[in-house]
Amino acid sequence: ELARYAAMLVEVAYEESPFDTDFDANLDKAYVPSEYKSTPP
């Protein structure tokens, strides 16, 4: 409980950068990996 409360008191200042989390908007950037974790097609 003390660790959780103390975590709320940690103050962080960020420098934000543009990010991409939109899957559909990035389909045109899809790529074939140099190595597959899975079975290659």
PDB file of all heavy atoms in Angstrom:
ATOM      1  N   GLU A   1       0.828  -1.212   0.000  1.00  0.00           N
ATOM      2  CA  GLU A   1       0.000   0.000   0.000  1.00  0.00           C
ATOM      3  C   GLU A   1       0.858   1.256   0.000  1.00  0.00           C
ATOM      4  O   GLU A   1       0.555   2.230  -0.700  1.00  0.00           O
ATOM      5  CB  GLU A   1      -0.943  -0.014   1.207  1.00  0.00           C
ATOM      6  CG  GLU A   1      -2.022  -1.077   1.158  1.00  0.00           C
ATOM      7  CD  GLU A   1      -1.527  -2.470   1.544  1.00  0.00           C
ATOM      8  OE1 GLU A   1      -0.362  -2.586   1.998  1.00  0.00           O
ATOM      9  OE2 GLU A   1      -2.303  -3.436   1.384  1.00  0.00           O
ATOM     10  N   LEU A   2       1.946   1.224   0.777  1.00  0.00           N
ATOM     11  CA  LEU A   2       2.834   2.386   0.826  1.00  0.00           C
ATOM     12  C   LEU A   2       3.539   2.572  -0.514  1.00  0.00           C
ATOM     13  O   LEU A   2       3.662   3.700  -1.012  1.00  0.00           O
ATOM     14  CB  LEU A   2       3.862   2.210   1.945  1.00  0.00           C
ATOM     15  CG  LEU A   2       4.894   3.334   2.092  1.00  0.00           C
ATOM     16  CD1 LEU A   2       4.211   4.683   2.340  1.00  0.00           C
ATOM     17  CD2 LEU A   2       5.886   3.010   3.218  1.00  0.00           C
ATOM     18  N   ALA A   3       3.987   1.481  -1.110  1.00  0.00           N
ATOM     19  CA  ALA A   3       4.662   1.579  -2.414  1.00  0.00           C
ATOM     20  C   ALA A   3       3.704   2.139  -3.461  1.00  0.00           C
ATOM     21  O   ALA A   3       4.089   2.982  -4.286  1.00  0.00           O
ATOM     22  CB  ALA A   3       5.181   0.209  -2.836  1.00  0.00           C
ATOM     23  N   ARG A   4       2.456   1.680  -3.433  1.00  0.00           N
ATOM     24  CA  ARG A   4       1.464   2.161  -4.401  1.00  0.00           C
ATOM     25  C   ARG A   4       1.196   3.653  -4.197  1.00  0.00           C
ATOM     26  O   ARG A   4       1.123   4.420  -5.168  1.00  0.00           O
ATOM     27  CB  ARG A   4       0.166   1.364  -4.243  1.00  0.00           C
ATOM     28  CG  ARG A   4      -0.944   1.783  -5.194  1.00  0.00           C
ATOM     29  CD  ARG A   4      -2.157   0.878  -5.057  1.00  0.00           C
ATOM     30  NE  ARG A   4      -2.681   0.892  -3.691  1.00  0.00           N
ATOM     31  CZ  ARG A   4      -3.685   0.121  -3.273  1.00  0.00           C
ATOM     32  NH1 ARG A   4      -4.248  -0.753  -4.101  1.00  0.00           N
ATOM     33  NH2 ARG A   4      -4.116   0.190  -2.029  1.00  0.00           N
ATOM     34  N   TYR A   5       1.063   4.084  -2.932  1.00  0.00           N
ATOM     35  CA  TYR A   5       0.821   5.504  -2.666  1.00  0.00           C
ATOM     36  C   TYR A   5       2.032   6.346  -3.083  1.00  0.00           C
ATOM     37  O   TYR A   5       1.890   7.395  -3.733  1.00  0.00           O
ATOM     38  CB  TYR A   5       0.525   5.717  -1.181  1.00  0.00           C
ATOM     39  CG  TYR A   5       0.431   7.171  -0.801  1.00  0.00           C
ATOM     40  CD1 TYR A   5      -0.595   7.980  -1.306  1.00  0.00           C
ATOM     41  CD2 TYR A   5       1.385   7.758   0.028  1.00  0.00           C
ATOM     42  CE1 TYR A   5      -0.670   9.331  -0.976  1.00  0.00           C
ATOM     43  CE2 TYR A   5       1.318   9.103   0.361  1.00  0.00           C
ATOM     44  CZ  TYR A   5       0.290   9.885  -0.151  1.00  0.00           C
ATOM     45  OH  TYR A   5       0.210  11.222   0.168  1.00  0.00           O
ATOM     46  N   ALA A   6       3.226   5.861  -2.757  1.00  0.00           N
ATOM     47  CA  ALA A   6       4.434   6.618  -3.103  1.00  0.00           C
ATOM     48  C   ALA A   6       4.587   6.740  -4.613  1.00  0.00           C
ATOM     49  O   ALA A   6       5.073   7.764  -5.120  1.00  0.00           O
ATOM     50  CB  ALA A   6       5.659   5.943  -2.491  1.00  0.00           C
ATOM     51  N   ALA A   7       4.151   5.725  -5.330  1.00  0.00           N
ATOM     52  CA  ALA A   7       4.241   5.772  -6.796  1.00  0.00           C
ATOM     53  C   ALA A   7       3.414   6.922  -7.356  1.00  0.00           C
ATOM     54  O   ALA A   7       3.758   7.506  -8.398  1.00  0.00           O
ATOM     55  CB  ALA A   7       3.777   4.445  -7.387  1.00  0.00           C
ATOM     56  N   MET A   8       2.312   7.254  -6.681  1.00  0.00           N
ATOM     57  CA  MET A   8       1.468   8.366  -7.128  1.00  0.00           C
ATOM     58  C   MET A   8       2.178   9.708  -6.948  1.00  0.00           C
ATOM     59  O   MET A   8       1.796  10.704  -7.567  1.00  0.00           O
ATOM     60  CB  MET A   8       0.152   8.359  -6.349  1.00  0.00           C
ATOM     61  CG  MET A   8      -0.691   7.113  -6.565  1.00  0.00           C
ATOM     62  SD  MET A   8      -2.059   6.961  -5.392  1.00  0.00           S
ATOM     63  CE  MET A   8      -2.992   8.442  -5.773  1.00  0.00           C
ATOM     64  N   LEU A   9       3.210   9.746  -6.108  1.00  0.00           N
ATOM     65  CA  LEU A   9       3.918  11.002  -5.821  1.00  0.00           C
ATOM     66  C   LEU A   9       5.120  11.229  -6.736  1.00  0.00           C
ATOM     67  O   LEU A   9       5.743  12.291  -6.683  1.00  0.00           O
ATOM     68  CB  LEU A   9       4.379  11.008  -4.355  1.00  0.00           C
ATOM     69  CG  LEU A   9       3.287  10.820  -3.297  1.00  0.00           C
ATOM     70  CD1 LEU A   9       3.897  10.883  -1.894  1.00  0.00           C
ATOM     71  CD2 LEU A   9       2.195  11.869  -3.440  1.00  0.00           C
ATOM     72  N   VAL A  10       5.441  10.229  -7.549  1.00  0.00           N
ATOM     73  CA  VAL A  10       6.559  10.393  -8.494  1.00  0.00           C
ATOM     74  C   VAL A  10       6.098  11.302  -9.633  1.00  0.00           C
ATOM     75  O   VAL A  10       5.094  11.036 -10.302  1.00  0.00           O
ATOM     76  CB  VAL A  10       7.015   9.024  -9.049  1.00  0.00           C
ATOM     77  CG1 VAL A  10       8.083   9.214 -10.119  1.00  0.00           C
ATOM     78  CG2 VAL A  10       7.530   8.143  -7.917  1.00  0.00           C
ATOM     79  N   GLU A  11       6.816  12.392  -9.854  1.00  0.00           N
ATOM     80  CA  GLU A  11       6.445  13.384 -10.859  1.00  0.00           C
ATOM     81  C   GLU A  11       7.353  13.252 -12.081  1.00  0.00           C
ATOM     82  O   GLU A  11       8.577  13.293 -11.952  1.00  0.00           O
ATOM     83  CB  GLU A  11       6.529  14.791 -10.268  1.00  0.00           C
ATOM     84  CG  GLU A  11       5.553  15.003  -9.110  1.00  0.00           C
ATOM     85  CD  GLU A  11       5.703  16.370  -8.460  1.00  0.00           C
ATOM     86  OE1 GLU A  11       6.650  17.110  -8.828  1.00  0.00           O
ATOM     87  OE2 GLU A  11       4.889  16.697  -7.572  1.00  0.00           O
ATOM     88  N   VAL A  12       6.723  13.091 -13.229  1.00  0.00           N
ATOM     89  CA  VAL A  12       7.475  12.855 -14.464  1.00  0.00           C
ATOM     90  C   VAL A  12       7.121  13.928 -15.489  1.00  0.00           C
ATOM     91  O   VAL A  12       5.936  14.208 -15.725  1.00  0.00           O
ATOM     92  CB  VAL A  12       7.161  11.457 -15.048  1.00  0.00           C
ATOM     93  CG1 VAL A  12       8.042  11.177 -16.268  1.00  0.00           C
ATOM     94  CG2 VAL A  12       7.350  10.373 -13.992  1.00  0.00           C
ATOM     95  N   ALA A  13       8.135  14.528 -16.095  1.00  0.00           N
ATOM     96  CA  ALA A  13       7.934  15.460 -17.207  1.00  0.00           C
ATOM     97  C   ALA A  13       8.414  14.775 -18.486  1.00  0.00           C
ATOM     98  O   ALA A  13       9.487  14.168 -18.512  1.00  0.00           O
ATOM     99  CB  ALA A  13       8.719  16.752 -16.973  1.00  0.00           C
ATOM    100  N   TYR A  14       7.587  14.861 -19.531  1.00  0.00           N
ATOM    101  CA  TYR A  14       7.874  14.150 -20.774  1.00  0.00           C
ATOM    102  C   TYR A  14       8.131  15.121 -21.924  1.00  0.00           C
ATOM    103  O   TYR A  14       7.627  16.246 -21.943  1.00  0.00           O
ATOM    104  CB  TYR A  14       6.689  13.273 -21.181  1.00  0.00           C
ATOM    105  CG  TYR A  14       6.307  12.199 -20.196  1.00  0.00           C
ATOM    106  CD1 TYR A  14       5.261  12.408 -19.291  1.00  0.00           C
ATOM    107  CD2 TYR A  14       6.960  10.968 -20.185  1.00  0.00           C
ATOM    108  CE1 TYR A  14       4.879  11.421 -18.398  1.00  0.00           C
ATOM    109  CE2 TYR A  14       6.581   9.973 -19.302  1.00  0.00           C
ATOM    110  CZ  TYR A  14       5.548  10.201 -18.406  1.00  0.00           C
ATOM    111  OH  TYR A  14       5.165   9.226 -17.522  1.00  0.00           O
ATOM    112  N   GLU A  15       8.893  14.651 -22.890  1.00  0.00           N
ATOM    113  CA  GLU A  15       9.002  15.295 -24.196  1.00  0.00           C
ATOM    114  C   GLU A  15       8.329  14.347 -25.187  1.00  0.00           C
ATOM    115  O   GLU A  15       8.890  13.306 -25.544  1.00  0.00           O
ATOM    116  CB  GLU A  15      10.465  15.507 -24.560  1.00  0.00           C
ATOM    117  CG  GLU A  15      10.686  16.139 -25.929  1.00  0.00           C
ATOM    118  CD  GLU A  15      12.151  16.228 -26.276  1.00  0.00           C
ATOM    119  OE1 GLU A  15      12.926  16.763 -25.452  1.00  0.00           O
ATOM    120  OE2 GLU A  15      12.524  15.726 -27.362  1.00  0.00           O
ATOM    121  N   GLU A  16       7.117  14.658 -25.601  1.00  0.00           N
ATOM    122  CA  GLU A  16       6.343  13.740 -26.441  1.00  0.00           C
ATOM    123  C   GLU A  16       6.824  13.774 -27.889  1.00  0.00           C
ATOM    124  O   GLU A  16       7.231  14.816 -28.404  1.00  0.00           O
ATOM    125  CB  GLU A  16       4.855  14.079 -26.378  1.00  0.00           C
ATOM    126  CG  GLU A  16       4.240  13.826 -25.010  1.00  0.00           C
ATOM    127  CD  GLU A  16       2.720  13.868 -25.048  1.00  0.00           C
ATOM    128  OE1 GLU A  16       2.122  13.079 -25.807  1.00  0.00           O
ATOM    129  OE2 GLU A  16       2.139  14.705 -24.323  1.00  0.00           O
ATOM    130  N   SER A  17       6.746  12.639 -28.546  1.00  0.00           N
ATOM    131  CA  SER A  17       7.075  12.504 -29.966  1.00  0.00           C
ATOM    132  C   SER A  17       5.859  11.955 -30.700  1.00  0.00           C
ATOM    133  O   SER A  17       4.996  11.311 -30.100  1.00  0.00           O
ATOM    134  CB  SER A  17       8.255  11.543 -30.159  1.00  0.00           C
ATOM    135  OG  SER A  17       9.396  12.017 -29.499  1.00  0.00           O
ATOM    136  N   PRO A  18       5.765  12.192 -32.019  1.00  0.00           N
ATOM    137  CA  PRO A  18       4.656  11.594 -32.782  1.00  0.00           C
ATOM    138  C   PRO A  18       4.710  10.071 -32.675  1.00  0.00           C
ATOM    139  O   PRO A  18       5.788   9.478 -32.608  1.00  0.00           O
ATOM    140  CB  PRO A  18       4.940  12.055 -34.220  1.00  0.00           C
ATOM    141  CG  PRO A  18       5.829  13.240 -34.076  1.00  0.00           C
ATOM    142  CD  PRO A  18       6.651  13.013 -32.846  1.00  0.00           C
ATOM    143  N   PHE A  19       3.558   9.449 -32.642  1.00  0.00           N
ATOM    144  CA  PHE A  19       3.496   7.989 -32.536  1.00  0.00           C
ATOM    145  C   PHE A  19       2.484   7.446 -33.533  1.00  0.00           C
ATOM    146  O   PHE A  19       1.600   8.154 -34.007  1.00  0.00           O
ATOM    147  CB  PHE A  19       3.118   7.561 -31.108  1.00  0.00           C
ATOM    148  CG  PHE A  19       1.822   8.151 -30.614  1.00  0.00           C
ATOM    149  CD1 PHE A  19       0.601   7.552 -30.913  1.00  0.00           C
ATOM    150  CD2 PHE A  19       1.818   9.312 -29.849  1.00  0.00           C
ATOM    151  CE1 PHE A  19      -0.588   8.093 -30.462  1.00  0.00           C
ATOM    152  CE2 PHE A  19       0.622   9.863 -29.395  1.00  0.00           C
ATOM    153  CZ  PHE A  19      -0.580   9.255 -29.701  1.00  0.00           C
ATOM    154  N   ASP A  20       2.648   6.163 -33.843  1.00  0.00           N
ATOM    155  CA  ASP A  20       1.743   5.445 -34.747  1.00  0.00           C
ATOM    156  C   ASP A  20       1.199   4.225 -34.029  1.00  0.00           C
ATOM    157  O   ASP A  20       1.949   3.288 -33.747  1.00  0.00           O
ATOM    158  CB  ASP A  20       2.477   4.980 -36.013  1.00  0.00           C
ATOM    159  CG  ASP A  20       2.511   6.036 -37.095  1.00  0.00           C
ATOM    160  OD1 ASP A  20       1.562   6.811 -37.175  1.00  0.00           O
ATOM    161  OD2 ASP A  20       3.505   6.069 -37.838  1.00  0.00           O
ATOM    162  N   THR A  21      -0.093   4.226 -33.731  1.00  0.00           N
ATOM    163  CA  THR A  21      -0.735   3.022 -33.196  1.00  0.00           C
ATOM    164  C   THR A  21      -1.930   2.615 -34.054  1.00  0.00           C
ATOM    165  O   THR A  21      -2.645   1.679 -33.708  1.00  0.00           O
ATOM    166  CB  THR A  21      -1.200   3.248 -31.748  1.00  0.00           C
ATOM    167  OG1 THR A  21      -2.066   4.389 -31.705  1.00  0.00           O
ATOM    168  CG2 THR A  21      -0.019   3.458 -30.815  1.00  0.00           C
ATOM    169  N   ASP A  22      -2.126   3.314 -35.159  1.00  0.00           N
ATOM    170  CA  ASP A  22      -3.288   3.064 -36.021  1.00  0.00           C
ATOM    171  C   ASP A  22      -2.929   1.989 -37.050  1.00  0.00           C
ATOM    172  O   ASP A  22      -2.235   2.248 -38.035  1.00  0.00           O
ATOM    173  CB  ASP A  22      -3.708   4.357 -36.716  1.00  0.00           C
ATOM    174  CG  ASP A  22      -5.058   4.237 -37.411  1.00  0.00           C
ATOM    175  OD1 ASP A  22      -5.392   3.128 -37.866  1.00  0.00           O
ATOM    176  OD2 ASP A  22      -5.780   5.252 -37.502  1.00  0.00           O
ATOM    177  N   PHE A  23      -3.398   0.795 -36.817  1.00  0.00           N
ATOM    178  CA  PHE A  23      -3.079  -0.348 -37.673  1.00  0.00           C
ATOM    179  C   PHE A  23      -3.563  -0.119 -39.099  1.00  0.00           C
ATOM    180  O   PHE A  23      -2.798  -0.265 -40.061  1.00  0.00           O
ATOM    181  CB  PHE A  23      -3.724  -1.604 -37.075  1.00  0.00           C
ATOM    182  CG  PHE A  23      -3.538  -2.860 -37.879  1.00  0.00           C
ATOM    183  CD1 PHE A  23      -2.361  -3.582 -37.814  1.00  0.00           C
ATOM    184  CD2 PHE A  23      -4.557  -3.340 -38.688  1.00  0.00           C
ATOM    185  CE1 PHE A  23      -2.192  -4.749 -38.546  1.00  0.00           C
ATOM    186  CE2 PHE A  23      -4.406  -4.503 -39.421  1.00  0.00           C
ATOM    187  CZ  PHE A  23      -3.207  -5.210 -39.352  1.00  0.00           C
ATOM    188  N   ASP A  24      -4.817   0.245 -39.252  1.00  0.00           N
ATOM    189  CA  ASP A  24      -5.403   0.390 -40.583  1.00  0.00           C
ATOM    190  C   ASP A  24      -4.700   1.476 -41.396  1.00  0.00           C
ATOM    191  O   ASP A  24      -4.503   1.336 -42.607  1.00  0.00           O
ATOM    192  CB  ASP A  24      -6.898   0.700 -40.473  1.00  0.00           C
ATOM    193  CG  ASP A  24      -7.668  -0.447 -39.827  1.00  0.00           C
ATOM    194  OD1 ASP A  24      -7.288  -1.615 -40.047  1.00  0.00           O
ATOM    195  OD2 ASP A  24      -8.625  -0.175 -39.085  1.00  0.00           O
ATOM    196  N   ALA A  25      -4.299   2.563 -40.718  1.00  0.00           N
ATOM    197  CA  ALA A  25      -3.664   3.673 -41.424  1.00  0.00           C
ATOM    198  C   ALA A  25      -2.245   3.342 -41.877  1.00  0.00           C
ATOM    199  O   ALA A  25      -1.681   4.055 -42.704  1.00  0.00           O
ATOM    200  CB  ALA A  25      -3.642   4.911 -40.525  1.00  0.00           C
ATOM    201  N   ASN A  26      -1.682   2.255 -41.335  1.00  0.00           N
ATOM    202  CA  ASN A  26      -0.301   1.909 -41.660  1.00  0.00           C
ATOM    203  C   ASN A  26      -0.165   0.635 -42.488  1.00  0.00           C
ATOM    204  O   ASN A  26       0.935   0.114 -42.652  1.00  0.00           O
ATOM    205  CB  ASN A  26       0.516   1.778 -40.370  1.00  0.00           C
ATOM    206  CG  ASN A  26       0.855   3.122 -39.754  1.00  0.00           C
ATOM    207  OD1 ASN A  26       1.783   3.799 -40.185  1.00  0.00           O
ATOM    208  ND2 ASN A  26       0.080   3.523 -38.760  1.00  0.00           N
ATOM    209  N   LEU A  27      -1.266   0.144 -43.024  1.00  0.00           N
ATOM    210  CA  LEU A  27      -1.214  -1.075 -43.835  1.00  0.00           C
ATOM    211  C   LEU A  27      -0.307  -0.918 -45.050  1.00  0.00           C
ATOM    212  O   LEU A  27       0.338  -1.883 -45.484  1.00  0.00           O
ATOM    213  CB  LEU A  27      -2.626  -1.469 -44.287  1.00  0.00           C
ATOM    214  CG  LEU A  27      -3.512  -2.154 -43.242  1.00  0.00           C
ATOM    215  CD1 LEU A  27      -4.933  -2.310 -43.775  1.00  0.00           C
ATOM    216  CD2 LEU A  27      -2.941  -3.511 -42.845  1.00  0.00           C
ATOM    217  N   ASP A  28      -0.253   0.314 -45.596  1.00  0.00           N
ATOM    218  CA  ASP A  28       0.585   0.520 -46.778  1.00  0.00           C
ATOM    219  C   ASP A  28       2.077   0.442 -46.447  1.00  0.00           C
ATOM    220  O   ASP A  28       2.922   0.366 -47.339  1.00  0.00           O
ATOM    221  CB  ASP A  28       0.258   1.870 -47.435  1.00  0.00           C
ATOM    222  CG  ASP A  28       0.484   3.045 -46.492  1.00  0.00           C
ATOM    223  OD1 ASP A  28       0.497   2.833 -45.259  1.00  0.00           O
ATOM    224  OD2 ASP A  28       0.650   4.172 -46.983  1.00  0.00           O
ATOM    225  N   LYS A  29       2.406   0.426 -45.141  1.00  0.00           N
ATOM    226  CA  LYS A  29       3.807   0.308 -44.721  1.00  0.00           C
ATOM    227  C   LYS A  29       4.156  -1.125 -44.290  1.00  0.00           C
ATOM    228  O   LYS A  29       5.233  -1.375 -43.745  1.00  0.00           O
ATOM    229  CB  LYS A  29       4.096   1.267 -43.565  1.00  0.00           C
ATOM    230  CG  LYS A  29       3.889   2.739 -43.920  1.00  0.00           C
ATOM    231  CD  LYS A  29       4.104   3.615 -42.697  1.00  0.00           C
ATOM    232  CE  LYS A  29       3.788   5.082 -43.011  1.00  0.00           C
ATOM    233  NZ  LYS A  29       3.857   5.925 -41.785  1.00  0.00           N
ATOM    234  N   ALA A  30       3.242  -2.051 -44.515  1.00  0.00           N
ATOM    235  CA  ALA A  30       3.487  -3.445 -44.133  1.00  0.00           C
ATOM    236  C   ALA A  30       4.719  -3.982 -44.856  1.00  0.00           C
ATOM    237  O   ALA A  30       4.973  -3.638 -46.012  1.00  0.00           O
ATOM    238  CB  ALA A  30       2.265  -4.295 -44.450  1.00  0.00           C
ATOM    239  N   TYR A  31       5.466  -4.839 -44.172  1.00  0.00           N
ATOM    240  CA  TYR A  31       6.722  -5.338 -44.728  1.00  0.00           C
ATOM    241  C   TYR A  31       6.879  -6.830 -44.438  1.00  0.00           C
ATOM    242  O   TYR A  31       6.270  -7.385 -43.519  1.00  0.00           O
ATOM    243  CB  TYR A  31       7.908  -4.572 -44.142  1.00  0.00           C
ATOM    244  CG  TYR A  31       8.048  -4.695 -42.629  1.00  0.00           C
ATOM    245  CD1 TYR A  31       8.881  -5.648 -42.057  1.00  0.00           C
ATOM    246  CD2 TYR A  31       7.318  -3.848 -41.783  1.00  0.00           C
ATOM    247  CE1 TYR A  31       8.991  -5.768 -40.684  1.00  0.00           C
ATOM    248  CE2 TYR A  31       7.424  -3.953 -40.406  1.00  0.00           C
ATOM    249  CZ  TYR A  31       8.261  -4.914 -39.855  1.00  0.00           C
ATOM    250  OH  TYR A  31       8.361  -5.034 -38.485  1.00  0.00           O
ATOM    251  N   VAL A  32       7.706  -7.451 -45.241  1.00  0.00           N
ATOM    252  CA  VAL A  32       8.082  -8.843 -45.007  1.00  0.00           C
ATOM    253  C   VAL A  32       9.307  -8.832 -44.097  1.00  0.00           C
ATOM    254  O   VAL A  32      10.331  -8.232 -44.440  1.00  0.00           O
ATOM    255  CB  VAL A  32       8.413  -9.557 -46.330  1.00  0.00           C
ATOM    256  CG1 VAL A  32       8.931 -10.973 -46.061  1.00  0.00           C
ATOM    257  CG2 VAL A  32       7.192  -9.594 -47.238  1.00  0.00           C
ATOM    258  N   PRO A  33       9.235  -9.450 -42.913  1.00  0.00           N
ATOM    259  CA  PRO A  33      10.387  -9.409 -42.006  1.00  0.00           C
ATOM    260  C   PRO A  33      11.562 -10.194 -42.569  1.00  0.00           C
ATOM    261  O   PRO A  33      11.389 -11.137 -43.348  1.00  0.00           O
ATOM    262  CB  PRO A  33       9.847 -10.056 -40.725  1.00  0.00           C
ATOM    263  CG  PRO A  33       8.744 -10.952 -41.189  1.00  0.00           C
ATOM    264  CD  PRO A  33       8.123 -10.246 -42.360  1.00  0.00           C
ATOM    265  N   SER A  34      12.752  -9.819 -42.172  1.00  0.00           N
ATOM    266  CA  SER A  34      13.939 -10.552 -42.630  1.00  0.00           C
ATOM    267  C   SER A  34      13.985 -11.942 -42.022  1.00  0.00           C
ATOM    268  O   SER A  34      14.617 -12.856 -42.568  1.00  0.00           O
ATOM    269  CB  SER A  34      15.213  -9.779 -42.269  1.00  0.00           C
ATOM    270  OG  SER A  34      15.269  -9.547 -40.874  1.00  0.00           O
ATOM    271  N   GLU A  35      13.291 -12.103 -40.884  1.00  0.00           N
ATOM    272  CA  GLU A  35      13.220 -13.408 -40.221  1.00  0.00           C
ATOM    273  C   GLU A  35      11.865 -13.523 -39.536  1.00  0.00           C
ATOM    274  O   GLU A  35      11.412 -12.582 -38.885  1.00  0.00           O
ATOM    275  CB  GLU A  35      14.348 -13.541 -39.186  1.00  0.00           C
ATOM    276  CG  GLU A  35      14.365 -14.860 -38.452  1.00  0.00           C
ATOM    277  CD  GLU A  35      15.438 -14.919 -37.367  1.00  0.00           C
ATOM    278  OE1 GLU A  35      16.230 -13.958 -37.258  1.00  0.00           O
ATOM    279  OE2 GLU A  35      15.463 -15.910 -36.621  1.00  0.00           O
ATOM    280  N   TYR A  36      11.216 -14.649 -39.709  1.00  0.00           N
ATOM    281  CA  TYR A  36       9.923 -14.884 -39.062  1.00  0.00           C
ATOM    282  C   TYR A  36      10.128 -15.614 -37.741  1.00  0.00           C
ATOM    283  O   TYR A  36      10.955 -16.524 -37.645  1.00  0.00           O
ATOM    284  CB  TYR A  36       9.013 -15.749 -39.948  1.00  0.00           C
ATOM    285  CG  TYR A  36       8.379 -15.024 -41.113  1.00  0.00           C
ATOM    286  CD1 TYR A  36       8.988 -15.019 -42.364  1.00  0.00           C
ATOM    287  CD2 TYR A  36       7.161 -14.371 -40.972  1.00  0.00           C
ATOM    288  CE1 TYR A  36       8.407 -14.374 -43.447  1.00  0.00           C
ATOM    289  CE2 TYR A  36       6.566 -13.717 -42.044  1.00  0.00           C
ATOM    290  CZ  TYR A  36       7.199 -13.727 -43.281  1.00  0.00           C
ATOM    291  OH  TYR A  36       6.608 -13.081 -44.337  1.00  0.00           O
ATOM    292  N   LYS A  37       9.366 -15.231 -36.718  1.00  0.00           N
ATOM    293  CA  LYS A  37       9.311 -16.037 -35.495  1.00  0.00           C
ATOM    294  C   LYS A  37       8.556 -17.328 -35.775  1.00  0.00           C
ATOM    295  O   LYS A  37       8.853 -18.387 -35.234  1.00  0.00           O
ATOM    296  CB  LYS A  37       8.617 -15.269 -34.366  1.00  0.00           C
ATOM    297  CG  LYS A  37       8.485 -16.059 -33.060  1.00  0.00           C
ATOM    298  CD  LYS A  37       7.736 -15.257 -32.007  1.00  0.00           C
ATOM    299  CE  LYS A  37       7.749 -15.961 -30.660  1.00  0.00           C
ATOM    300  NZ  LYS A  37       6.889 -17.154 -30.616  1.00  0.00           N
ATOM    301  N   SER A  38       7.553 -17.228 -36.643  1.00  0.00           N
ATOM    302  CA  SER A  38       6.704 -18.349 -37.002  1.00  0.00           C
ATOM    303  C   SER A  38       7.265 -19.075 -38.223  1.00  0.00           C
ATOM    304  O   SER A  38       8.365 -18.786 -38.704  1.00  0.00           O
ATOM    305  CB  SER A  38       5.297 -17.840 -37.309  1.00  0.00           C
ATOM    306  OG  SER A  38       5.358 -16.871 -38.353  1.00  0.00           O
ATOM    307  N   THR A  39       6.494 -20.009 -38.758  1.00  0.00           N
ATOM    308  CA  THR A  39       6.848 -20.685 -40.003  1.00  0.00           C
ATOM    309  C   THR A  39       6.716 -19.697 -41.160  1.00  0.00           C
ATOM    310  O   THR A  39       5.651 -19.089 -41.317  1.00  0.00           O
ATOM    311  CB  THR A  39       5.900 -21.869 -40.255  1.00  0.00           C
ATOM    312  OG1 THR A  39       5.895 -22.707 -39.098  1.00  0.00           O
ATOM    313  CG2 THR A  39       6.335 -22.667 -41.466  1.00  0.00           C
ATOM    314  N   PRO A  40       7.744 -19.489 -41.965  1.00  0.00           N
ATOM    315  CA  PRO A  40       7.603 -18.580 -43.113  1.00  0.00           C
ATOM    316  C   PRO A  40       6.525 -19.098 -44.066  1.00  0.00           C
ATOM    317  O   PRO A  40       6.329 -20.312 -44.183  1.00  0.00           O
ATOM    318  CB  PRO A  40       8.985 -18.619 -43.777  1.00  0.00           C
ATOM    319  CG  PRO A  40       9.906 -19.156 -42.734  1.00  0.00           C
ATOM    320  CD  PRO A  40       9.091 -20.070 -41.876  1.00  0.00           C
ATOM    321  N   PRO A  41       5.808 -18.206 -44.738  1.00  0.00           N
ATOM    322  CA  PRO A  41       4.801 -18.675 -45.703  1.00  0.00           C
ATOM    323  C   PRO A  41       5.436 -19.564 -46.765  1.00  0.00           C
ATOM    324  O   PRO A  41       6.530 -19.286 -47.251  1.00  0.00           O
ATOM    325  CB  PRO A  41       4.273 -17.367 -46.313  1.00  0.00           C
ATOM    326  CG  PRO A  41       4.595 -16.309 -45.317  1.00  0.00           C
ATOM    327  CD  PRO A  41       5.872 -16.737 -44.649  1.00  0.00           C
TER     328      PRO A  41
END
